[in-house]
Amino acid sequence: MDKVCAIVDNVIEYIASTGCHFMVGPFETSVEGDFETLMDIIKRCQEIPIEQGAPSTKAYVKIFHNPNGVLTIAEKTDKFK
């Protein structure tokens, strides 16, 4: 379990390094950004665990796109803090 947590921590560290706004939850991490940037992040988040010895990875991706804009993570969650 420690190795899994260390790998997840490294993936989250990578996400933080992208400069995109993100929020870590107990079962998922939400990331805000443009489509191409997010696809690059998703790809790299699959590569990091393999490079660190994980036998496989999984990604469950939800994408919301609206050309007129979307609510930010803060707009959706700040009222509950």
Protein backbone atom coordinates (compact mmCIF):
# COMPACT_ATOMS: atom_id res chain seq x y z
CA MET A 1 0.00 0.00 0.00
CA ASP A 2 2.88 2.39 0.75
CA LYS A 3 4.22 1.99 -2.80
CA VAL A 4 0.79 2.69 -4.28
CA CYS A 5 0.44 5.83 -2.15
CA ALA A 6 3.92 6.98 -3.17
CA ILE A 7 3.09 6.54 -6.85
CA VAL A 8 -0.21 8.40 -6.46
CA ASP A 9 1.64 11.18 -4.63
CA ASN A 10 4.08 11.43 -7.55
CA VAL A 11 1.25 11.64 -10.06
CA ILE A 12 -0.40 14.41 -8.03
CA GLU A 13 2.95 16.19 -7.80
CA TYR A 14 3.16 16.04 -11.59
CA ILE A 15 -0.37 17.47 -11.93
CA ALA A 16 0.63 20.31 -9.58
CA SER A 17 3.67 21.02 -11.76
CA THR A 18 1.47 21.64 -14.82
CA GLY A 19 0.14 24.89 -13.40
CA CYS A 20 -3.46 23.79 -13.95
CA HIS A 21 -5.90 24.32 -11.12
CA PHE A 22 -6.75 21.00 -9.47
CA MET A 23 -8.43 19.52 -6.43
CA VAL A 24 -7.59 16.16 -4.87
CA GLY A 25 -10.48 14.15 -3.45
CA PRO A 26 -10.51 10.75 -1.76
CA PHE A 27 -11.41 8.90 -4.97
CA GLU A 28 -10.52 11.28 -7.78
CA THR A 29 -8.58 14.36 -8.73
CA SER A 30 -10.32 17.12 -10.69
CA VAL A 31 -8.23 19.24 -13.05
CA GLU A 32 -9.25 22.40 -14.93
CA GLY A 33 -7.74 23.33 -18.26
CA ASP A 34 -8.09 23.39 -22.01
CA PHE A 35 -8.80 20.10 -23.78
CA GLU A 36 -5.35 19.54 -25.32
CA THR A 37 -3.56 20.27 -22.05
CA LEU A 38 -5.85 17.93 -20.15
CA MET A 39 -5.28 15.12 -22.67
CA ASP A 40 -1.52 15.54 -22.27
CA ILE A 41 -1.91 15.42 -18.48
CA ILE A 42 -4.05 12.27 -18.66
CA LYS A 43 -1.45 10.57 -20.85
CA ARG A 44 1.42 11.47 -18.53
CA CYS A 45 -0.57 10.36 -15.48
CA GLN A 46 -0.69 6.88 -17.04
CA GLU A 47 3.02 6.83 -17.87
CA ILE A 48 4.32 7.85 -14.44
CA PRO A 49 3.04 4.79 -12.52
CA ILE A 50 4.41 2.38 -15.15
CA GLU A 51 7.80 4.11 -14.99
CA GLN A 52 7.69 3.64 -11.20
CA GLY A 53 6.94 -0.08 -11.33
CA ALA A 54 3.15 -0.33 -11.41
CA PRO A 55 2.03 -3.31 -13.51
CA SER A 56 -0.92 -1.40 -15.02
CA THR A 57 -2.98 1.77 -14.73
CA LYS A 58 -6.61 2.82 -15.08
CA ALA A 59 -8.11 6.20 -15.88
CA TYR A 60 -11.74 7.12 -15.47
CA VAL A 61 -12.11 10.42 -17.28
CA LYS A 62 -15.08 12.78 -17.19
CA ILE A 63 -14.98 15.77 -19.50
CA PHE A 64 -17.36 18.69 -19.47
CA HIS A 65 -17.03 21.13 -22.35
CA ASN A 66 -19.13 24.17 -23.10
CA PRO A 67 -17.91 26.81 -25.56
CA ASN A 68 -19.61 29.45 -23.42
CA GLY A 69 -17.58 28.45 -20.35
CA VAL A 70 -17.96 26.08 -17.44
CA LEU A 71 -18.23 26.49 -13.69
CA THR A 72 -14.84 26.30 -12.01
CA ILE A 73 -14.00 23.89 -9.21
CA ALA A 74 -14.17 26.83 -6.81
CA GLU A 75 -17.57 27.94 -8.06
CA LYS A 76 -18.90 24.42 -7.56
CA THR A 77 -17.37 23.71 -4.14
CA ASP A 78 -16.47 26.87 -2.20
CA LYS A 79 -19.97 27.20 -0.76
CA PHE A 80 -19.43 23.88 1.05
CA LYS A 81 -16.15 24.80 2.74
